[in-house]
Amino acid sequence: MKKEAINKMDQSSNVQSKKKSAVSAILKISIAVAAFPAVAALPTIAPPTQGGIGGAQVQDGDIIGQMGGYFKMGLMMMGIVLAAYAFITIVIGALRRWKEYSDGRITVAELKEYIIAAVIQIAFIIVLVGYSASTLS
């Protein structure tokens, strides 16, 4: 008697699991069918204006070329951001040196030395960013 009860319980749980998997499959198919029109109406991505990695214009639908063009633009933006960070760091350092000069801890020669080195460093950074921009284009 116990074996019959166990067999019936196994059969009912087996039927329930099959029902769940069938309902799950039907739901997945209905969601996929409902979402299909949304995929068809997606806008196209505008190609980058400066061209791809090699410098050639990117054709419509060329996803790899578009990714390369946007990667190149990202590198340019990163160079500009790093140059701006360097400029801000140098200005903050100059203000600290001016405060040290005002407090009498350094001489005018040391202040001039820092300012001259800062101007040379800023010019070097601008040249490097310009060179990288011309190399990437």
N, C-alpha and C. Protein backbone atom coordinates (compact mmCIF):
# COMPACT_ATOMS: atom_id res chain seq x y z
N MET A 1 0.80 -1.19 0.00
CA MET A 1 0.00 0.00 0.00
C MET A 1 0.86 1.27 0.00
N LYS A 2 1.91 1.21 0.81
CA LYS A 2 2.80 2.37 0.87
C LYS A 2 3.48 2.59 -0.48
N LYS A 3 3.86 1.50 -1.15
CA LYS A 3 4.53 1.62 -2.45
C LYS A 3 3.61 2.24 -3.48
N GLU A 4 2.32 1.90 -3.44
CA GLU A 4 1.36 2.48 -4.38
C GLU A 4 1.20 3.97 -4.12
N ALA A 5 1.16 4.36 -2.88
CA ALA A 5 1.03 5.78 -2.52
C ALA A 5 2.26 6.56 -2.98
N ILE A 6 3.42 5.96 -2.80
CA ILE A 6 4.66 6.63 -3.23
C ILE A 6 4.70 6.75 -4.74
N ASN A 7 4.27 5.73 -5.47
CA ASN A 7 4.22 5.77 -6.93
C ASN A 7 3.27 6.84 -7.42
N LYS A 8 2.10 6.97 -6.77
CA LYS A 8 1.13 8.01 -7.16
C LYS A 8 1.70 9.40 -6.90
N MET A 9 2.41 9.56 -5.78
CA MET A 9 3.01 10.86 -5.48
C MET A 9 4.10 11.20 -6.49
N ASP A 10 4.89 10.21 -6.88
CA ASP A 10 5.94 10.44 -7.88
C ASP A 10 5.33 10.81 -9.22
N GLN A 11 4.24 10.15 -9.61
CA GLN A 11 3.58 10.44 -10.88
C GLN A 11 2.96 11.83 -10.85
N SER A 12 2.36 12.23 -9.73
CA SER A 12 1.74 13.55 -9.66
C SER A 12 2.81 14.65 -9.68
N SER A 13 3.93 14.43 -9.02
CA SER A 13 5.00 15.43 -9.06
C SER A 13 5.63 15.49 -10.44
N ASN A 14 5.70 14.36 -11.12
CA ASN A 14 6.23 14.31 -12.48
C ASN A 14 5.33 15.10 -13.41
N VAL A 15 4.03 14.95 -13.28
CA VAL A 15 3.06 15.66 -14.11
C VAL A 15 3.14 17.16 -13.82
N GLN A 16 3.27 17.52 -12.54
CA GLN A 16 3.36 18.94 -12.19
C GLN A 16 4.62 19.58 -12.77
N SER A 17 5.74 18.88 -12.73
CA SER A 17 6.97 19.45 -13.29
C SER A 17 6.87 19.59 -14.80
N LYS A 18 6.20 18.67 -15.47
CA LYS A 18 6.00 18.78 -16.92
C LYS A 18 5.09 19.95 -17.24
N LYS A 19 4.06 20.17 -16.41
CA LYS A 19 3.16 21.32 -16.62
C LYS A 19 3.93 22.62 -16.46
N LYS A 20 4.77 22.70 -15.43
CA LYS A 20 5.56 23.91 -15.20
C LYS A 20 6.51 24.19 -16.36
N SER A 21 7.16 23.16 -16.88
CA SER A 21 8.09 23.37 -17.99
C SER A 21 7.34 23.77 -19.26
N ALA A 22 6.13 23.21 -19.47
CA ALA A 22 5.35 23.58 -20.64
C ALA A 22 4.88 25.02 -20.54
N VAL A 23 4.41 25.43 -19.36
CA VAL A 23 3.98 26.82 -19.16
C VAL A 23 5.16 27.76 -19.33
N SER A 24 6.31 27.38 -18.80
CA SER A 24 7.51 28.20 -18.94
C SER A 24 7.90 28.37 -20.41
N ALA A 25 7.85 27.29 -21.17
CA ALA A 25 8.18 27.38 -22.60
C ALA A 25 7.20 28.26 -23.34
N ILE A 26 5.91 28.14 -23.04
CA ILE A 26 4.89 28.97 -23.70
C ILE A 26 5.11 30.44 -23.36
N LEU A 27 5.44 30.76 -22.11
CA LEU A 27 5.69 32.15 -21.72
C LEU A 27 6.93 32.71 -22.42
N LYS A 28 7.97 31.91 -22.51
CA LYS A 28 9.19 32.37 -23.18
C LYS A 28 8.93 32.67 -24.65
N ILE A 29 8.19 31.81 -25.30
CA ILE A 29 7.88 32.02 -26.72
C ILE A 29 7.01 33.26 -26.90
N SER A 30 6.01 33.44 -26.03
CA SER A 30 5.13 34.61 -26.17
C SER A 30 5.89 35.91 -25.91
N ILE A 31 6.81 35.90 -24.97
CA ILE A 31 7.61 37.11 -24.71
C ILE A 31 8.52 37.40 -25.90
N ALA A 32 9.12 36.38 -26.48
CA ALA A 32 9.99 36.58 -27.64
C ALA A 32 9.20 37.13 -28.82
N VAL A 33 8.00 36.63 -29.04
CA VAL A 33 7.17 37.11 -30.14
C VAL A 33 6.72 38.54 -29.89
N ALA A 34 6.39 38.85 -28.63
CA ALA A 34 5.95 40.21 -28.31
C ALA A 34 7.10 41.21 -28.42
N ALA A 35 8.32 40.80 -28.14
CA ALA A 35 9.47 41.71 -28.17
C ALA A 35 10.04 41.88 -29.57
N PHE A 36 9.70 41.05 -30.50
CA PHE A 36 10.29 41.11 -31.84
C PHE A 36 10.02 42.45 -32.54
N PRO A 37 8.80 43.00 -32.50
CA PRO A 37 8.60 44.30 -33.16
C PRO A 37 9.44 45.42 -32.54
N ALA A 38 9.74 45.34 -31.25
CA ALA A 38 10.56 46.37 -30.61
C ALA A 38 11.98 46.35 -31.15
N VAL A 39 12.51 45.19 -31.46
CA VAL A 39 13.85 45.08 -32.00
C VAL A 39 13.89 45.66 -33.42
N ALA A 40 12.82 45.49 -34.16
CA ALA A 40 12.78 45.96 -35.54
C ALA A 40 12.75 47.48 -35.63
N ALA A 41 12.31 48.18 -34.58
CA ALA A 41 12.15 49.63 -34.64
C ALA A 41 13.30 50.39 -34.00
N LEU A 42 14.40 49.72 -33.70
CA LEU A 42 15.52 50.43 -33.09
C LEU A 42 16.17 51.37 -34.10
N PRO A 43 16.59 52.56 -33.65
CA PRO A 43 17.24 53.49 -34.58
C PRO A 43 18.66 53.03 -34.90
N THR A 44 19.16 53.49 -36.02
CA THR A 44 20.54 53.16 -36.39
C THR A 44 21.49 54.12 -35.67
N ILE A 45 22.69 53.66 -35.41
CA ILE A 45 23.70 54.48 -34.74
C ILE A 45 24.37 55.35 -35.79
N ALA A 46 24.48 56.63 -35.49
CA ALA A 46 25.12 57.55 -36.43
C ALA A 46 26.62 57.25 -36.47
N PRO A 47 27.20 57.18 -37.67
CA PRO A 47 28.64 56.90 -37.75
C PRO A 47 29.45 58.10 -37.25
N PRO A 48 30.64 57.87 -36.72
CA PRO A 48 31.48 58.97 -36.24
C PRO A 48 31.88 59.88 -37.39
N THR A 49 31.99 61.16 -37.10
CA THR A 49 32.26 62.15 -38.15
C THR A 49 33.72 62.14 -38.60
N GLN A 50 34.64 61.72 -37.72
CA GLN A 50 36.06 61.77 -38.08
C GLN A 50 36.56 60.48 -38.72
N GLY A 51 35.70 59.53 -38.91
CA GLY A 51 36.12 58.29 -39.55
C GLY A 51 36.55 57.25 -38.54
N GLY A 52 36.92 56.09 -39.06
CA GLY A 52 37.31 54.97 -38.21
C GLY A 52 38.76 55.04 -37.80
N ILE A 53 39.28 53.90 -37.37
CA ILE A 53 40.65 53.84 -36.87
C ILE A 53 41.65 54.18 -37.98
N GLY A 54 41.44 53.69 -39.19
CA GLY A 54 42.36 53.96 -40.28
C GLY A 54 42.19 55.35 -40.88
N GLY A 55 41.16 56.08 -40.48
CA GLY A 55 40.91 57.41 -40.99
C GLY A 55 39.87 57.45 -42.09
N ALA A 56 39.50 56.29 -42.65
CA ALA A 56 38.50 56.25 -43.71
C ALA A 56 37.11 56.45 -43.13
N GLN A 57 36.21 56.96 -43.96
CA GLN A 57 34.84 57.14 -43.51
C GLN A 57 34.21 55.79 -43.20
N VAL A 58 33.38 55.77 -42.18
CA VAL A 58 32.70 54.55 -41.76
C VAL A 58 31.40 54.41 -42.55
N GLN A 59 31.21 53.25 -43.14
CA GLN A 59 30.00 52.99 -43.92
C GLN A 59 28.83 52.69 -42.99
N ASP A 60 27.61 52.92 -43.47
CA ASP A 60 26.42 52.60 -42.68
C ASP A 60 26.35 51.10 -42.45
N GLY A 61 26.08 50.72 -41.22
CA GLY A 61 25.95 49.31 -40.88
C GLY A 61 27.27 48.64 -40.53
N ASP A 62 28.39 49.35 -40.62
CA ASP A 62 29.69 48.78 -40.27
C ASP A 62 29.92 48.97 -38.77
N ILE A 63 29.49 47.99 -38.00
CA ILE A 63 29.54 48.10 -36.55
C ILE A 63 30.99 48.15 -36.05
N ILE A 64 31.86 47.35 -36.63
CA ILE A 64 33.27 47.34 -36.20
C ILE A 64 33.92 48.69 -36.49
N GLY A 65 33.64 49.26 -37.65
CA GLY A 65 34.17 50.58 -37.98
C GLY A 65 33.66 51.65 -37.05
N GLN A 66 32.38 51.56 -36.69
CA GLN A 66 31.81 52.53 -35.75
C GLN A 66 32.43 52.39 -34.37
N MET A 67 32.63 51.15 -33.95
CA MET A 67 33.27 50.96 -32.64
C MET A 67 34.69 51.52 -32.65
N GLY A 68 35.41 51.33 -33.75
CA GLY A 68 36.75 51.87 -33.85
C GLY A 68 36.76 53.39 -33.83
N GLY A 69 35.81 53.99 -34.54
CA GLY A 69 35.72 55.45 -34.56
C GLY A 69 35.39 56.02 -33.20
N TYR A 70 34.46 55.39 -32.51
CA TYR A 70 34.11 55.88 -31.17
C TYR A 70 35.22 55.59 -30.17
N PHE A 71 35.97 54.51 -30.37
CA PHE A 71 37.12 54.24 -29.51
C PHE A 71 38.18 55.32 -29.70
N LYS A 72 38.38 55.72 -30.96
CA LYS A 72 39.33 56.79 -31.25
C LYS A 72 38.89 58.10 -30.60
N MET A 73 37.60 58.38 -30.68
CA MET A 73 37.09 59.60 -30.04
C MET A 73 37.23 59.52 -28.52
N GLY A 74 37.06 58.33 -27.96
CA GLY A 74 37.24 58.15 -26.52
C GLY A 74 38.67 58.38 -26.10
N LEU A 75 39.62 57.91 -26.92
CA LEU A 75 41.03 58.16 -26.61
C LEU A 75 41.34 59.65 -26.66
N MET A 76 40.75 60.34 -27.62
CA MET A 76 40.96 61.79 -27.70
C MET A 76 40.41 62.49 -26.46
N MET A 77 39.22 62.09 -26.04
CA MET A 77 38.62 62.71 -24.86
C MET A 77 39.46 62.41 -23.62
N MET A 78 39.99 61.19 -23.53
CA MET A 78 40.81 60.84 -22.39
C MET A 78 42.08 61.69 -22.37
N GLY A 79 42.68 61.94 -23.52
CA GLY A 79 43.86 62.80 -23.60
C GLY A 79 43.56 64.22 -23.16
N ILE A 80 42.40 64.72 -23.58
CA ILE A 80 42.02 66.09 -23.20
C ILE A 80 41.75 66.17 -21.71
N VAL A 81 41.09 65.16 -21.15
CA VAL A 81 40.80 65.16 -19.71
C VAL A 81 42.10 65.07 -18.92
N LEU A 82 43.03 64.23 -19.35
CA LEU A 82 44.32 64.14 -18.64
C LEU A 82 45.10 65.45 -18.74
N ALA A 83 45.04 66.12 -19.88
CA ALA A 83 45.71 67.41 -20.02
C ALA A 83 45.08 68.44 -19.10
N ALA A 84 43.75 68.43 -18.99
CA ALA A 84 43.07 69.36 -18.09
C ALA A 84 43.44 69.07 -16.64
N TYR A 85 43.52 67.77 -16.29
CA TYR A 85 43.91 67.40 -14.93
C TYR A 85 45.34 67.88 -14.63
N ALA A 86 46.24 67.69 -15.59
CA ALA A 86 47.62 68.14 -15.39
C ALA A 86 47.68 69.66 -15.23
N PHE A 87 46.89 70.38 -16.03
CA PHE A 87 46.85 71.83 -15.93
C PHE A 87 46.36 72.27 -14.55
N ILE A 88 45.29 71.64 -14.07
CA ILE A 88 44.74 72.00 -12.76
C ILE A 88 45.74 71.67 -11.66
N THR A 89 46.41 70.53 -11.77
CA THR A 89 47.41 70.14 -10.77
C THR A 89 48.56 71.14 -10.74
N ILE A 90 48.99 71.60 -11.88
CA ILE A 90 50.09 72.56 -11.94
C ILE A 90 49.67 73.90 -11.35
N VAL A 91 48.45 74.31 -11.63
CA VAL A 91 47.96 75.58 -11.07
C VAL A 91 47.85 75.49 -9.56
N ILE A 92 47.36 74.37 -9.04
CA ILE A 92 47.26 74.20 -7.59
C ILE A 92 48.66 74.22 -6.96
N GLY A 93 49.62 73.56 -7.63
CA GLY A 93 50.99 73.59 -7.13
C GLY A 93 51.57 75.00 -7.13
N ALA A 94 51.25 75.77 -8.17
CA ALA A 94 51.75 77.15 -8.22
C ALA A 94 51.14 77.99 -7.09
N LEU A 95 49.87 77.76 -6.81
CA LEU A 95 49.25 78.50 -5.71
C LEU A 95 49.87 78.10 -4.36
N ARG A 96 50.21 76.85 -4.20
CA ARG A 96 50.88 76.41 -2.96
C ARG A 96 52.26 77.06 -2.84
N ARG A 97 52.97 77.11 -3.96
CA ARG A 97 54.29 77.74 -3.95
C ARG A 97 54.17 79.23 -3.63
N TRP A 98 53.13 79.87 -4.17
CA TRP A 98 52.93 81.29 -3.88
C TRP A 98 52.65 81.50 -2.39
N LYS A 99 51.87 80.59 -1.80
CA LYS A 99 51.59 80.69 -0.36
C LYS A 99 52.88 80.49 0.44
N GLU A 100 53.72 79.54 0.03
CA GLU A 100 55.00 79.33 0.71
C GLU A 100 55.88 80.57 0.57
N TYR A 101 55.84 81.19 -0.61
CA TYR A 101 56.61 82.42 -0.81
C TYR A 101 56.07 83.55 0.07
N SER A 102 54.74 83.64 0.16
CA SER A 102 54.13 84.68 0.98
C SER A 102 54.45 84.47 2.46
N ASP A 103 54.56 83.23 2.88
CA ASP A 103 54.88 82.94 4.28
C ASP A 103 56.38 83.08 4.55
N GLY A 104 57.18 83.23 3.52
CA GLY A 104 58.62 83.41 3.68
C GLY A 104 59.40 82.12 3.76
N ARG A 105 58.80 81.00 3.41
CA ARG A 105 59.51 79.71 3.49
C ARG A 105 60.37 79.44 2.27
N ILE A 106 60.07 80.07 1.11
CA ILE A 106 60.90 79.89 -0.09
C ILE A 106 61.27 81.26 -0.63
N THR A 107 62.26 81.27 -1.51
CA THR A 107 62.71 82.54 -2.09
C THR A 107 62.03 82.77 -3.44
N VAL A 108 62.25 83.95 -3.98
CA VAL A 108 61.69 84.29 -5.29
C VAL A 108 62.28 83.38 -6.37
N ALA A 109 63.52 83.00 -6.22
CA ALA A 109 64.17 82.13 -7.21
C ALA A 109 63.48 80.78 -7.29
N GLU A 110 63.11 80.23 -6.14
CA GLU A 110 62.41 78.94 -6.14
C GLU A 110 61.01 79.07 -6.75
N LEU A 111 60.35 80.17 -6.50
CA LEU A 111 59.03 80.41 -7.10
C LEU A 111 59.15 80.52 -8.62
N LYS A 112 60.13 81.28 -9.09
CA LYS A 112 60.35 81.42 -10.53
C LYS A 112 60.70 80.06 -11.15
N GLU A 113 61.52 79.30 -10.46
CA GLU A 113 61.90 77.98 -10.97
C GLU A 113 60.67 77.10 -11.16
N TYR A 114 59.76 77.11 -10.19
CA TYR A 114 58.55 76.29 -10.31
C TYR A 114 57.67 76.77 -11.46
N ILE A 115 57.51 78.07 -11.60
CA ILE A 115 56.65 78.61 -12.65
C ILE A 115 57.23 78.31 -14.03
N ILE A 116 58.54 78.44 -14.19
CA ILE A 116 59.16 78.13 -15.48
C ILE A 116 59.00 76.65 -15.82
N ALA A 117 59.24 75.78 -14.84
CA ALA A 117 59.07 74.34 -15.06
C ALA A 117 57.61 74.00 -15.38
N ALA A 118 56.66 74.69 -14.73
CA ALA A 118 55.24 74.44 -14.97
C ALA A 118 54.85 74.85 -16.38
N VAL A 119 55.34 75.99 -16.85
CA VAL A 119 55.02 76.44 -18.20
C VAL A 119 55.58 75.46 -19.23
N ILE A 120 56.80 74.99 -19.02
CA ILE A 120 57.39 74.02 -19.94
C ILE A 120 56.58 72.72 -19.92
N GLN A 121 56.17 72.28 -18.75
CA GLN A 121 55.39 71.05 -18.64
C GLN A 121 54.03 71.18 -19.33
N ILE A 122 53.36 72.30 -19.16
CA ILE A 122 52.07 72.52 -19.81
C ILE A 122 52.24 72.54 -21.33
N ALA A 123 53.28 73.20 -21.81
CA ALA A 123 53.53 73.24 -23.26
C ALA A 123 53.80 71.83 -23.79
N PHE A 124 54.56 71.04 -23.05
CA PHE A 124 54.86 69.67 -23.45
C PHE A 124 53.59 68.82 -23.49
N ILE A 125 52.72 68.98 -22.52
CA ILE A 125 51.47 68.22 -22.49
C ILE A 125 50.58 68.61 -23.67
N ILE A 126 50.49 69.89 -23.98
CA ILE A 126 49.68 70.34 -25.11
C ILE A 126 50.23 69.78 -26.42
N VAL A 127 51.55 69.76 -26.56
CA VAL A 127 52.17 69.20 -27.77
C VAL A 127 51.87 67.71 -27.87
N LEU A 128 51.96 66.99 -26.76
CA LEU A 128 51.68 65.55 -26.79
C LEU A 128 50.23 65.25 -27.15
N VAL A 129 49.29 66.01 -26.61
CA VAL A 129 47.88 65.79 -26.94
C VAL A 129 47.63 66.12 -28.40
N GLY A 130 48.24 67.20 -28.90
CA GLY A 130 48.08 67.53 -30.31
C GLY A 130 48.69 66.47 -31.23
N TYR A 131 49.83 65.94 -30.83
CA TYR A 131 50.47 64.88 -31.62
C TYR A 131 49.62 63.62 -31.63
N SER A 132 49.06 63.27 -30.48
CA SER A 132 48.22 62.07 -30.44
C SER A 132 46.96 62.27 -31.26
N ALA A 133 46.42 63.48 -31.27
CA ALA A 133 45.23 63.75 -32.09
C ALA A 133 45.56 63.61 -33.58
N SER A 134 46.70 64.12 -33.99
CA SER A 134 47.06 64.01 -35.42
C SER A 134 47.42 62.58 -35.79
N THR A 135 47.97 61.82 -34.84
CA THR A 135 48.30 60.41 -35.11
C THR A 135 47.05 59.57 -35.26
N LEU A 136 46.05 59.81 -34.43
CA LEU A 136 44.82 59.03 -34.48
C LEU A 136 43.96 59.35 -35.70
N SER A 137 44.08 60.56 -36.23
CA SER A 137 43.21 60.93 -37.36
C SER A 137 43.75 60.47 -38.69
